[in-house]
Amino acid sequence: MDFWSVLIVVCLAVIVSLSVREHMKWKSFYESAGHKPKDVTIRYLFLRSNGVRCRLKSINHRIGLGVSGGSDLDTTVKLLVHKHDLHKAHDAMTEFNKEEARPYYINLIK
């Protein structure tokens, strides 16, 4: 193998390694399927306001050959929490009263 081939292989290995490492930092905490999953967004905003590192990930279940379009009903939204913040997220959610928090957070996502 010449220099450039080795360099390309090493670069690809580094990219794959970083991608896998980043993926392993996040744990699935809550998910919702269907049209406008506000429950996930409300929980996301609540956790963020309590200092929990989290993010949303949208997954379309109709991806494949010959599939065009799709709808929101084919989508699952996952709330991912950083693995070092899982305990903090569980503690925050025990204090989460959906009925009291809902009006404030729904106004934020409209």
PDB file of N, CA and C in Angstrom:
ATOM      1  N   MET A   1       0.833  -1.179   0.000  1.00  0.00           N
ATOM      2  CA  MET A   1       0.000   0.000   0.000  1.00  0.00           C
ATOM      3  C   MET A   1       0.881   1.247   0.000  1.00  0.00           C
ATOM      4  N   ASP A   2       0.473   2.186  -0.781  1.00  0.00           N
ATOM      5  CA  ASP A   2       1.243   3.427  -0.820  1.00  0.00           C
ATOM      6  C   ASP A   2       0.798   4.359   0.313  1.00  0.00           C
ATOM      7  N   PHE A   3       1.458   5.460   0.444  1.00  0.00           N
ATOM      8  CA  PHE A   3       1.222   6.422   1.522  1.00  0.00           C
ATOM      9  C   PHE A   3      -0.219   6.913   1.556  1.00  0.00           C
ATOM     10  N   TRP A   4      -0.784   7.264   0.398  1.00  0.00           N
ATOM     11  CA  TRP A   4      -2.132   7.830   0.339  1.00  0.00           C
ATOM     12  C   TRP A   4      -3.199   6.813   0.726  1.00  0.00           C
ATOM     13  N   SER A   5      -2.986   5.578   0.348  1.00  0.00           N
ATOM     14  CA  SER A   5      -3.945   4.534   0.730  1.00  0.00           C
ATOM     15  C   SER A   5      -3.951   4.331   2.242  1.00  0.00           C
ATOM     16  N   VAL A   6      -2.776   4.312   2.830  1.00  0.00           N
ATOM     17  CA  VAL A   6      -2.671   4.154   4.275  1.00  0.00           C
ATOM     18  C   VAL A   6      -3.306   5.348   4.981  1.00  0.00           C
ATOM     19  N   LEU A   7      -3.045   6.545   4.475  1.00  0.00           N
ATOM     20  CA  LEU A   7      -3.615   7.751   5.064  1.00  0.00           C
ATOM     21  C   LEU A   7      -5.139   7.736   5.016  1.00  0.00           C
ATOM     22  N   ILE A   8      -5.706   7.313   3.911  1.00  0.00           N
ATOM     23  CA  ILE A   8      -7.165   7.236   3.769  1.00  0.00           C
ATOM     24  C   ILE A   8      -7.753   6.215   4.737  1.00  0.00           C
ATOM     25  N   VAL A   9      -7.126   5.063   4.855  1.00  0.00           N
ATOM     26  CA  VAL A   9      -7.605   4.022   5.772  1.00  0.00           C
ATOM     27  C   VAL A   9      -7.545   4.515   7.218  1.00  0.00           C
ATOM     28  N   VAL A  10      -6.461   5.169   7.584  1.00  0.00           N
ATOM     29  CA  VAL A  10      -6.324   5.691   8.945  1.00  0.00           C
ATOM     30  C   VAL A  10      -7.377   6.761   9.216  1.00  0.00           C
ATOM     31  N   CYS A  11      -7.605   7.656   8.282  1.00  0.00           N
ATOM     32  CA  CYS A  11      -8.625   8.702   8.451  1.00  0.00           C
ATOM     33  C   CYS A  11     -10.012   8.104   8.613  1.00  0.00           C
ATOM     34  N   LEU A  12     -10.349   7.116   7.805  1.00  0.00           N
ATOM     35  CA  LEU A  12     -11.651   6.463   7.923  1.00  0.00           C
ATOM     36  C   LEU A  12     -11.800   5.760   9.269  1.00  0.00           C
ATOM     37  N   ALA A  13     -10.736   5.121   9.730  1.00  0.00           N
ATOM     38  CA  ALA A  13     -10.770   4.444  11.032  1.00  0.00           C
ATOM     39  C   ALA A  13     -10.996   5.449  12.162  1.00  0.00           C
ATOM     40  N   VAL A  14     -10.360   6.601  12.089  1.00  0.00           N
ATOM     41  CA  VAL A  14     -10.531   7.642  13.110  1.00  0.00           C
ATOM     42  C   VAL A  14     -11.957   8.166  13.093  1.00  0.00           C
ATOM     43  N   ILE A  15     -12.513   8.407  11.920  1.00  0.00           N
ATOM     44  CA  ILE A  15     -13.880   8.920  11.798  1.00  0.00           C
ATOM     45  C   ILE A  15     -14.881   7.915  12.373  1.00  0.00           C
ATOM     46  N   VAL A  16     -14.724   6.652  12.036  1.00  0.00           N
ATOM     47  CA  VAL A  16     -15.625   5.615  12.556  1.00  0.00           C
ATOM     48  C   VAL A  16     -15.491   5.510  14.072  1.00  0.00           C
ATOM     49  N   SER A  17     -14.282   5.546  14.571  1.00  0.00           N
ATOM     50  CA  SER A  17     -14.044   5.459  16.012  1.00  0.00           C
ATOM     51  C   SER A  17     -14.696   6.619  16.755  1.00  0.00           C
ATOM     52  N   LEU A  18     -14.551   7.834  16.249  1.00  0.00           N
ATOM     53  CA  LEU A  18     -15.160   8.999  16.883  1.00  0.00           C
ATOM     54  C   LEU A  18     -16.683   8.931  16.846  1.00  0.00           C
ATOM     55  N   SER A  19     -17.210   8.453  15.747  1.00  0.00           N
ATOM     56  CA  SER A  19     -18.656   8.330  15.614  1.00  0.00           C
ATOM     57  C   SER A  19     -19.218   7.324  16.618  1.00  0.00           C
ATOM     58  N   VAL A  20     -18.578   6.187  16.746  1.00  0.00           N
ATOM     59  CA  VAL A  20     -19.021   5.158  17.692  1.00  0.00           C
ATOM     60  C   VAL A  20     -18.910   5.675  19.121  1.00  0.00           C
ATOM     61  N   ARG A  21     -17.816   6.343  19.437  1.00  0.00           N
ATOM     62  CA  ARG A  21     -17.614   6.886  20.788  1.00  0.00           C
ATOM     63  C   ARG A  21     -18.697   7.909  21.124  1.00  0.00           C
ATOM     64  N   GLU A  22     -19.026   8.794  20.185  1.00  0.00           N
ATOM     65  CA  GLU A  22     -20.064   9.804  20.411  1.00  0.00           C
ATOM     66  C   GLU A  22     -21.429   9.145  20.620  1.00  0.00           C
ATOM     67  N   HIS A  23     -21.722   8.107  19.845  1.00  0.00           N
ATOM     68  CA  HIS A  23     -23.000   7.407  19.954  1.00  0.00           C
ATOM     69  C   HIS A  23     -23.140   6.735  21.323  1.00  0.00           C
ATOM     70  N   MET A  24     -22.063   6.237  21.868  1.00  0.00           N
ATOM     71  CA  MET A  24     -22.102   5.519  23.141  1.00  0.00           C
ATOM     72  C   MET A  24     -22.295   6.455  24.333  1.00  0.00           C
ATOM     73  N   LYS A  25     -22.119   7.753  24.153  1.00  0.00           N
ATOM     74  CA  LYS A  25     -22.294   8.710  25.241  1.00  0.00           C
ATOM     75  C   LYS A  25     -23.757   8.970  25.568  1.00  0.00           C
ATOM     76  N   TRP A  26     -24.658   8.670  24.649  1.00  0.00           N
ATOM     77  CA  TRP A  26     -26.067   9.018  24.795  1.00  0.00           C
ATOM     78  C   TRP A  26     -26.913   7.779  25.009  1.00  0.00           C
ATOM     79  N   LYS A  27     -27.838   7.851  25.962  1.00  0.00           N
ATOM     80  CA  LYS A  27     -28.724   6.733  26.286  1.00  0.00           C
ATOM     81  C   LYS A  27     -30.169   7.155  26.049  1.00  0.00           C
ATOM     82  N   SER A  28     -30.955   6.251  25.498  1.00  0.00           N
ATOM     83  CA  SER A  28     -32.361   6.523  25.244  1.00  0.00           C
ATOM     84  C   SER A  28     -33.092   6.640  26.581  1.00  0.00           C
ATOM     85  N   PHE A  29     -33.833   7.732  26.755  1.00  0.00           N
ATOM     86  CA  PHE A  29     -34.500   8.013  28.025  1.00  0.00           C
ATOM     87  C   PHE A  29     -36.021   7.951  27.889  1.00  0.00           C
ATOM     88  N   TYR A  30     -36.532   8.424  26.756  1.00  0.00           N
ATOM     89  CA  TYR A  30     -37.973   8.472  26.528  1.00  0.00           C
ATOM     90  C   TYR A  30     -38.188   8.567  25.027  1.00  0.00           C
ATOM     91  N   GLU A  31     -39.284   8.015  24.533  1.00  0.00           N
ATOM     92  CA  GLU A  31     -39.577   8.146  23.107  1.00  0.00           C
ATOM     93  C   GLU A  31     -41.074   8.186  22.870  1.00  0.00           C
ATOM     94  N   SER A  32     -41.417   8.758  21.730  1.00  0.00           N
ATOM     95  CA  SER A  32     -42.816   8.868  21.351  1.00  0.00           C
ATOM     96  C   SER A  32     -42.919   8.758  19.834  1.00  0.00           C
ATOM     97  N   ALA A  33     -43.926   8.047  19.382  1.00  0.00           N
ATOM     98  CA  ALA A  33     -44.148   7.891  17.945  1.00  0.00           C
ATOM     99  C   ALA A  33     -45.394   8.662  17.555  1.00  0.00           C
ATOM    100  N   GLY A  34     -45.420   9.079  16.312  1.00  0.00           N
ATOM    101  CA  GLY A  34     -46.621   9.704  15.796  1.00  0.00           C
ATOM    102  C   GLY A  34     -46.487  11.186  15.553  1.00  0.00           C
ATOM    103  N   HIS A  35     -47.624  11.792  15.279  1.00  0.00           N
ATOM    104  CA  HIS A  35     -47.706  13.190  14.870  1.00  0.00           C
ATOM    105  C   HIS A  35     -47.448  14.138  16.046  1.00  0.00           C
ATOM    106  N   LYS A  36     -46.486  15.036  15.868  1.00  0.00           N
ATOM    107  CA  LYS A  36     -46.154  16.075  16.853  1.00  0.00           C
ATOM    108  C   LYS A  36     -46.018  15.525  18.276  1.00  0.00           C
ATOM    109  N   PRO A  37     -44.979  14.806  18.534  1.00  0.00           N
ATOM    110  CA  PRO A  37     -44.799  14.210  19.867  1.00  0.00           C
ATOM    111  C   PRO A  37     -44.410  15.261  20.916  1.00  0.00           C
ATOM    112  N   LYS A  38     -45.412  15.993  21.404  1.00  0.00           N
ATOM    113  CA  LYS A  38     -45.161  17.078  22.351  1.00  0.00           C
ATOM    114  C   LYS A  38     -44.628  16.564  23.686  1.00  0.00           C
ATOM    115  N   ASP A  39     -45.024  15.351  24.082  1.00  0.00           N
ATOM    116  CA  ASP A  39     -44.549  14.818  25.357  1.00  0.00           C
ATOM    117  C   ASP A  39     -43.029  14.747  25.403  1.00  0.00           C
ATOM    118  N   VAL A  40     -42.424  14.337  24.313  1.00  0.00           N
ATOM    119  CA  VAL A  40     -40.962  14.247  24.267  1.00  0.00           C
ATOM    120  C   VAL A  40     -40.359  15.646  24.350  1.00  0.00           C
ATOM    121  N   THR A  41     -40.924  16.582  23.611  1.00  0.00           N
ATOM    122  CA  THR A  41     -40.401  17.948  23.600  1.00  0.00           C
ATOM    123  C   THR A  41     -40.549  18.603  24.965  1.00  0.00           C
ATOM    124  N   ILE A  42     -41.672  18.385  25.628  1.00  0.00           N
ATOM    125  CA  ILE A  42     -41.886  18.942  26.962  1.00  0.00           C
ATOM    126  C   ILE A  42     -40.852  18.393  27.938  1.00  0.00           C
ATOM    127  N   ARG A  43     -40.627  17.085  27.883  1.00  0.00           N
ATOM    128  CA  ARG A  43     -39.625  16.485  28.771  1.00  0.00           C
ATOM    129  C   ARG A  43     -38.216  16.995  28.443  1.00  0.00           C
ATOM    130  N   TYR A  44     -37.933  17.147  27.158  1.00  0.00           N
ATOM    131  CA  TYR A  44     -36.634  17.679  26.738  1.00  0.00           C
ATOM    132  C   TYR A  44     -36.406  19.079  27.315  1.00  0.00           C
ATOM    133  N   LEU A  45     -37.382  19.963  27.142  1.00  0.00           N
ATOM    134  CA  LEU A  45     -37.257  21.329  27.647  1.00  0.00           C
ATOM    135  C   LEU A  45     -37.135  21.349  29.169  1.00  0.00           C
ATOM    136  N   PHE A  46     -37.902  20.493  29.837  1.00  0.00           N
ATOM    137  CA  PHE A  46     -37.841  20.427  31.297  1.00  0.00           C
ATOM    138  C   PHE A  46     -36.453  19.970  31.756  1.00  0.00           C
ATOM    139  N   LEU A  47     -35.933  18.927  31.149  1.00  0.00           N
ATOM    140  CA  LEU A  47     -34.612  18.428  31.552  1.00  0.00           C
ATOM    141  C   LEU A  47     -33.527  19.459  31.268  1.00  0.00           C
ATOM    142  N   ARG A  48     -33.590  20.102  30.095  1.00  0.00           N
ATOM    143  CA  ARG A  48     -32.601  21.135  29.765  1.00  0.00           C
ATOM    144  C   ARG A  48     -32.634  22.265  30.792  1.00  0.00           C
ATOM    145  N   SER A  49     -33.845  22.657  31.197  1.00  0.00           N
ATOM    146  CA  SER A  49     -33.960  23.741  32.176  1.00  0.00           C
ATOM    147  C   SER A  49     -33.431  23.328  33.547  1.00  0.00           C
ATOM    148  N   ASN A  50     -33.276  22.024  33.767  1.00  0.00           N
ATOM    149  CA  ASN A  50     -32.719  21.515  35.014  1.00  0.00           C
ATOM    150  C   ASN A  50     -31.251  21.104  34.873  1.00  0.00           C
ATOM    151  N   GLY A  51     -30.615  21.537  33.796  1.00  0.00           N
ATOM    152  CA  GLY A  51     -29.185  21.314  33.633  1.00  0.00           C
ATOM    153  C   GLY A  51     -28.782  19.922  33.168  1.00  0.00           C
ATOM    154  N   VAL A  52     -29.727  19.171  32.614  1.00  0.00           N
ATOM    155  CA  VAL A  52     -29.428  17.820  32.123  1.00  0.00           C
ATOM    156  C   VAL A  52     -29.025  17.910  30.651  1.00  0.00           C
ATOM    157  N   ARG A  53     -27.898  17.304  30.309  1.00  0.00           N
ATOM    158  CA  ARG A  53     -27.469  17.271  28.905  1.00  0.00           C
ATOM    159  C   ARG A  53     -28.332  16.249  28.172  1.00  0.00           C
ATOM    160  N   CYS A  54     -29.091  16.738  27.210  1.00  0.00           N
ATOM    161  CA  CYS A  54     -29.967  15.845  26.453  1.00  0.00           C
ATOM    162  C   CYS A  54     -30.149  16.394  25.048  1.00  0.00           C
ATOM    163  N   ARG A  55     -30.662  15.546  24.179  1.00  0.00           N
ATOM    164  CA  ARG A  55     -30.932  15.943  22.798  1.00  0.00           C
ATOM    165  C   ARG A  55     -32.056  15.082  22.247  1.00  0.00           C
ATOM    166  N   LEU A  56     -32.633  15.555  21.161  1.00  0.00           N
ATOM    167  CA  LEU A  56     -33.715  14.829  20.491  1.00  0.00           C
ATOM    168  C   LEU A  56     -33.186  14.187  19.214  1.00  0.00           C
ATOM    169  N   LYS A  57     -33.692  13.008  18.933  1.00  0.00           N
ATOM    170  CA  LYS A  57     -33.312  12.312  17.702  1.00  0.00           C
ATOM    171  C   LYS A  57     -34.592  11.818  17.042  1.00  0.00           C
ATOM    172  N   SER A  58     -34.755  12.184  15.781  1.00  0.00           N
ATOM    173  CA  SER A  58     -35.933  11.797  15.019  1.00  0.00           C
ATOM    174  C   SER A  58     -35.571  10.623  14.110  1.00  0.00           C
ATOM    175  N   ILE A  59     -36.405   9.586  14.131  1.00  0.00           N
ATOM    176  CA  ILE A  59     -36.147   8.384  13.332  1.00  0.00           C
ATOM    177  C   ILE A  59     -37.356   8.118  12.449  1.00  0.00           C
ATOM    178  N   ASN A  60     -37.143   8.068  11.139  1.00  0.00           N
ATOM    179  CA  ASN A  60     -38.207   7.745  10.199  1.00  0.00           C
ATOM    180  C   ASN A  60     -38.153   6.256   9.913  1.00  0.00           C
ATOM    181  N   HIS A  61     -39.274   5.552  10.122  1.00  0.00           N
ATOM    182  CA  HIS A  61     -39.325   4.103   9.962  1.00  0.00           C
ATOM    183  C   HIS A  61     -39.599   3.648   8.536  1.00  0.00           C
ATOM    184  N   ARG A  62     -39.836   4.575   7.619  1.00  0.00           N
ATOM    185  CA  ARG A  62     -40.176   4.189   6.247  1.00  0.00           C
ATOM    186  C   ARG A  62     -39.024   4.394   5.292  1.00  0.00           C
ATOM    187  N   ILE A  63     -37.832   4.492   5.778  1.00  0.00           N
ATOM    188  CA  ILE A  63     -36.683   4.681   4.902  1.00  0.00           C
ATOM    189  C   ILE A  63     -36.367   3.361   4.215  1.00  0.00           C
ATOM    190  N   GLY A  64     -36.192   3.400   2.912  1.00  0.00           N
ATOM    191  CA  GLY A  64     -35.862   2.203   2.164  1.00  0.00           C
ATOM    192  C   GLY A  64     -36.003   2.449   0.680  1.00  0.00           C
ATOM    193  N   LEU A  65     -35.684   1.457  -0.102  1.00  0.00           N
ATOM    194  CA  LEU A  65     -35.779   1.578  -1.545  1.00  0.00           C
ATOM    195  C   LEU A  65     -37.232   1.680  -1.976  1.00  0.00           C
ATOM    196  N   GLY A  66     -37.482   2.599  -2.861  1.00  0.00           N
ATOM    197  CA  GLY A  66     -38.817   2.737  -3.424  1.00  0.00           C
ATOM    198  C   GLY A  66     -39.805   3.436  -2.518  1.00  0.00           C
ATOM    199  N   VAL A  67     -39.369   3.897  -1.371  1.00  0.00           N
ATOM    200  CA  VAL A  67     -40.268   4.580  -0.450  1.00  0.00           C
ATOM    201  C   VAL A  67     -40.105   6.072  -0.649  1.00  0.00           C
ATOM    202  N   SER A  68     -41.197   6.715  -0.968  1.00  0.00           N
ATOM    203  CA  SER A  68     -41.119   8.169  -1.126  1.00  0.00           C
ATOM    204  C   SER A  68     -42.036   8.829  -0.119  1.00  0.00           C
ATOM    205  N   GLY A  69     -41.644   9.983   0.315  1.00  0.00           N
ATOM    206  CA  GLY A  69     -42.485  10.729   1.237  1.00  0.00           C
ATOM    207  C   GLY A  69     -42.497  10.109   2.608  1.00  0.00           C
ATOM    208  N   GLY A  70     -43.666   9.868   3.110  1.00  0.00           N
ATOM    209  CA  GLY A  70     -43.820   9.384   4.465  1.00  0.00           C
ATOM    210  C   GLY A  70     -44.590  10.435   5.245  1.00  0.00           C
ATOM    211  N   SER A  71     -44.984  10.101   6.421  1.00  0.00           N
ATOM    212  CA  SER A  71     -45.732  11.052   7.235  1.00  0.00           C
ATOM    213  C   SER A  71     -45.118  11.122   8.616  1.00  0.00           C
ATOM    214  N   ASP A  72     -45.620  12.067   9.398  1.00  0.00           N
ATOM    215  CA  ASP A  72     -45.162  12.198  10.773  1.00  0.00           C
ATOM    216  C   ASP A  72     -45.502  10.957  11.589  1.00  0.00           C
ATOM    217  N   LEU A  73     -46.536  10.217  11.175  1.00  0.00           N
ATOM    218  CA  LEU A  73     -46.930   9.016  11.902  1.00  0.00           C
ATOM    219  C   LEU A  73     -45.883   7.917  11.795  1.00  0.00           C
ATOM    220  N   ASP A  74     -44.995   8.021  10.806  1.00  0.00           N
ATOM    221  CA  ASP A  74     -43.938   7.036  10.621  1.00  0.00           C
ATOM    222  C   ASP A  74     -42.675   7.406  11.385  1.00  0.00           C
ATOM    223  N   THR A  75     -42.739   8.464  12.170  1.00  0.00           N
ATOM    224  CA  THR A  75     -41.551   8.990  12.826  1.00  0.00           C
ATOM    225  C   THR A  75     -41.617   8.754  14.332  1.00  0.00           C
ATOM    226  N   THR A  76     -40.494   8.343  14.883  1.00  0.00           N
ATOM    227  CA  THR A  76     -40.336   8.230  16.327  1.00  0.00           C
ATOM    228  C   THR A  76     -39.331   9.281  16.754  1.00  0.00           C
ATOM    229  N   VAL A  77     -39.646   9.986  17.820  1.00  0.00           N
ATOM    230  CA  VAL A  77     -38.718  10.968  18.368  1.00  0.00           C
ATOM    231  C   VAL A  77     -38.216  10.421  19.699  1.00  0.00           C
ATOM    232  N   LYS A  78     -36.889  10.335  19.810  1.00  0.00           N
ATOM    233  CA  LYS A  78     -36.273   9.829  21.033  1.00  0.00           C
ATOM    234  C   LYS A  78     -35.621  10.961  21.801  1.00  0.00           C
ATOM    235  N   LEU A  79     -35.771  10.912  23.097  1.00  0.00           N
ATOM    236  CA  LEU A  79     -35.076  11.817  23.992  1.00  0.00           C
ATOM    237  C   LEU A  79     -33.850  11.075  24.504  1.00  0.00           C
ATOM    238  N   LEU A  80     -32.687  11.564  24.131  1.00  0.00           N
ATOM    239  CA  LEU A  80     -31.432  10.946  24.541  1.00  0.00           C
ATOM    240  C   LEU A  80     -30.806  11.785  25.655  1.00  0.00           C
ATOM    241  N   VAL A  81     -30.299  11.114  26.676  1.00  0.00           N
ATOM    242  CA  VAL A  81     -29.657  11.774  27.804  1.00  0.00           C
ATOM    243  C   VAL A  81     -28.213  11.306  27.866  1.00  0.00           C
ATOM    244  N   HIS A  82     -27.313  12.235  28.157  1.00  0.00           N
ATOM    245  CA  HIS A  82     -25.898  11.887  28.293  1.00  0.00           C
ATOM    246  C   HIS A  82     -25.757  10.863  29.412  1.00  0.00           C
ATOM    247  N   LYS A  83     -24.914   9.864  29.201  1.00  0.00           N
ATOM    248  CA  LYS A  83     -24.817   8.757  30.153  1.00  0.00           C
ATOM    249  C   LYS A  83     -24.419   9.215  31.554  1.00  0.00           C
ATOM    250  N   HIS A  84     -23.683  10.315  31.671  1.00  0.00           N
ATOM    251  CA  HIS A  84     -23.288  10.806  32.988  1.00  0.00           C
ATOM    252  C   HIS A  84     -24.396  11.620  33.668  1.00  0.00           C
ATOM    253  N   ASP A  85     -25.464  11.923  32.936  1.00  0.00           N
ATOM    254  CA  ASP A  85     -26.573  12.695  33.491  1.00  0.00           C
ATOM    255  C   ASP A  85     -27.834  11.864  33.710  1.00  0.00           C
ATOM    256  N   LEU A  86     -27.759  10.543  33.530  1.00  0.00           N
ATOM    257  CA  LEU A  86     -28.951   9.700  33.674  1.00  0.00           C
ATOM    258  C   LEU A  86     -29.552   9.801  35.066  1.00  0.00           C
ATOM    259  N   HIS A  87     -28.717   9.743  36.104  1.00  0.00           N
ATOM    260  CA  HIS A  87     -29.225   9.816  37.471  1.00  0.00           C
ATOM    261  C   HIS A  87     -29.901  11.170  37.715  1.00  0.00           C
ATOM    262  N   LYS A  88     -29.267  12.226  37.236  1.00  0.00           N
ATOM    263  CA  LYS A  88     -29.818  13.581  37.372  1.00  0.00           C
ATOM    264  C   LYS A  88     -31.161  13.686  36.636  1.00  0.00           C
ATOM    265  N   ALA A  89     -31.258  13.064  35.466  1.00  0.00           N
ATOM    266  CA  ALA A  89     -32.505  13.088  34.689  1.00  0.00           C
ATOM    267  C   ALA A  89     -33.620  12.344  35.422  1.00  0.00           C
ATOM    268  N   HIS A  90     -33.304  11.180  35.995  1.00  0.00           N
ATOM    269  CA  HIS A  90     -34.317  10.427  36.740  1.00  0.00           C
ATOM    270  C   HIS A  90     -34.789  11.215  37.963  1.00  0.00           C
ATOM    271  N   ASP A  91     -33.853  11.857  38.661  1.00  0.00           N
ATOM    272  CA  ASP A  91     -34.237  12.678  39.815  1.00  0.00           C
ATOM    273  C   ASP A  91     -35.138  13.833  39.397  1.00  0.00           C
ATOM    274  N   ALA A  92     -34.799  14.493  38.298  1.00  0.00           N
ATOM    275  CA  ALA A  92     -35.607  15.622  37.824  1.00  0.00           C
ATOM    276  C   ALA A  92     -37.006  15.156  37.426  1.00  0.00           C
ATOM    277  N   MET A  93     -37.098  14.001  36.786  1.00  0.00           N
ATOM    278  CA  MET A  93     -38.402  13.537  36.319  1.00  0.00           C
ATOM    279  C   MET A  93     -39.307  13.087  37.458  1.00  0.00           C
ATOM    280  N   THR A  94     -38.723  12.712  38.608  1.00  0.00           N
ATOM    281  CA  THR A  94     -39.583  12.381  39.748  1.00  0.00           C
ATOM    282  C   THR A  94     -40.281  13.632  40.266  1.00  0.00           C
ATOM    283  N   GLU A  95     -39.678  14.794  40.039  1.00  0.00           N
ATOM    284  CA  GLU A  95     -40.275  16.058  40.462  1.00  0.00           C
ATOM    285  C   GLU A  95     -41.151  16.670  39.366  1.00  0.00           C
ATOM    286  N   PHE A  96     -41.112  16.080  38.208  1.00  0.00           N
ATOM    287  CA  PHE A  96     -41.844  16.623  37.062  1.00  0.00           C
ATOM    288  C   PHE A  96     -43.335  16.341  37.227  1.00  0.00           C
ATOM    289  N   ASN A  97     -44.102  17.398  37.310  1.00  0.00           N
ATOM    290  CA  ASN A  97     -45.552  17.257  37.370  1.00  0.00           C
ATOM    291  C   ASN A  97     -46.082  17.739  36.024  1.00  0.00           C
ATOM    292  N   LYS A  98     -46.472  16.813  35.200  1.00  0.00           N
ATOM    293  CA  LYS A  98     -46.845  17.126  33.827  1.00  0.00           C
ATOM    294  C   LYS A  98     -47.940  18.188  33.741  1.00  0.00           C
ATOM    295  N   GLU A  99     -48.891  18.128  34.621  1.00  0.00           N
ATOM    296  CA  GLU A  99     -50.010  19.074  34.550  1.00  0.00           C
ATOM    297  C   GLU A  99     -49.562  20.502  34.846  1.00  0.00           C
ATOM    298  N   GLU A 100     -48.642  20.684  35.774  1.00  0.00           N
ATOM    299  CA  GLU A 100     -48.176  22.028  36.090  1.00  0.00           C
ATOM    300  C   GLU A 100     -47.196  22.546  35.043  1.00  0.00           C
ATOM    301  N   ALA A 101     -46.355  21.672  34.515  1.00  0.00           N
ATOM    302  CA  ALA A 101     -45.325  22.097  33.578  1.00  0.00           C
ATOM    303  C   ALA A 101     -45.860  22.266  32.162  1.00  0.00           C
ATOM    304  N   ARG A 102     -46.886  21.539  31.816  1.00  0.00           N
ATOM    305  CA  ARG A 102     -47.381  21.523  30.438  1.00  0.00           C
ATOM    306  C   ARG A 102     -47.682  22.912  29.865  1.00  0.00           C
ATOM    307  N   PRO A 103     -48.453  23.781  30.545  1.00  0.00           N
ATOM    308  CA  PRO A 103     -48.767  25.078  29.920  1.00  0.00           C
ATOM    309  C   PRO A 103     -47.529  25.903  29.582  1.00  0.00           C
ATOM    310  N   TYR A 104     -46.564  25.945  30.479  1.00  0.00           N
ATOM    311  CA  TYR A 104     -45.346  26.726  30.235  1.00  0.00           C
ATOM    312  C   TYR A 104     -44.573  26.183  29.040  1.00  0.00           C
ATOM    313  N   TYR A 105     -44.349  24.890  28.995  1.00  0.00           N
ATOM    314  CA  TYR A 105     -43.540  24.306  27.931  1.00  0.00           C
ATOM    315  C   TYR A 105     -44.272  24.246  26.600  1.00  0.00           C
ATOM    316  N   ILE A 106     -45.577  24.052  26.615  1.00  0.00           N
ATOM    317  CA  ILE A 106     -46.334  24.051  25.362  1.00  0.00           C
ATOM    318  C   ILE A 106     -46.258  25.429  24.704  1.00  0.00           C
ATOM    319  N   ASN A 107     -46.307  26.484  25.504  1.00  0.00           N
ATOM    320  CA  ASN A 107     -46.170  27.829  24.946  1.00  0.00           C
ATOM    321  C   ASN A 107     -44.813  28.029  24.293  1.00  0.00           C
ATOM    322  N   LEU A 108     -43.785  27.370  24.785  1.00  0.00           N
ATOM    323  CA  LEU A 108     -42.469  27.480  24.187  1.00  0.00           C
ATOM    324  C   LEU A 108     -42.372  26.773  22.842  1.00  0.00           C
ATOM    325  N   ILE A 109     -43.146  25.701  22.630  1.00  0.00           N
ATOM    326  CA  ILE A 109     -43.002  24.920  21.398  1.00  0.00           C
ATOM    327  C   ILE A 109     -44.046  25.272  20.346  1.00  0.00           C
ATOM    328  N   LYS A 110     -44.922  26.198  20.616  1.00  0.00           N
ATOM    329  CA  LYS A 110     -45.923  26.582  19.603  1.00  0.00           C
ATOM    330  C   LYS A 110     -45.307  27.400  18.522  1.00  0.00           C
TER     331      LYS A 110
END
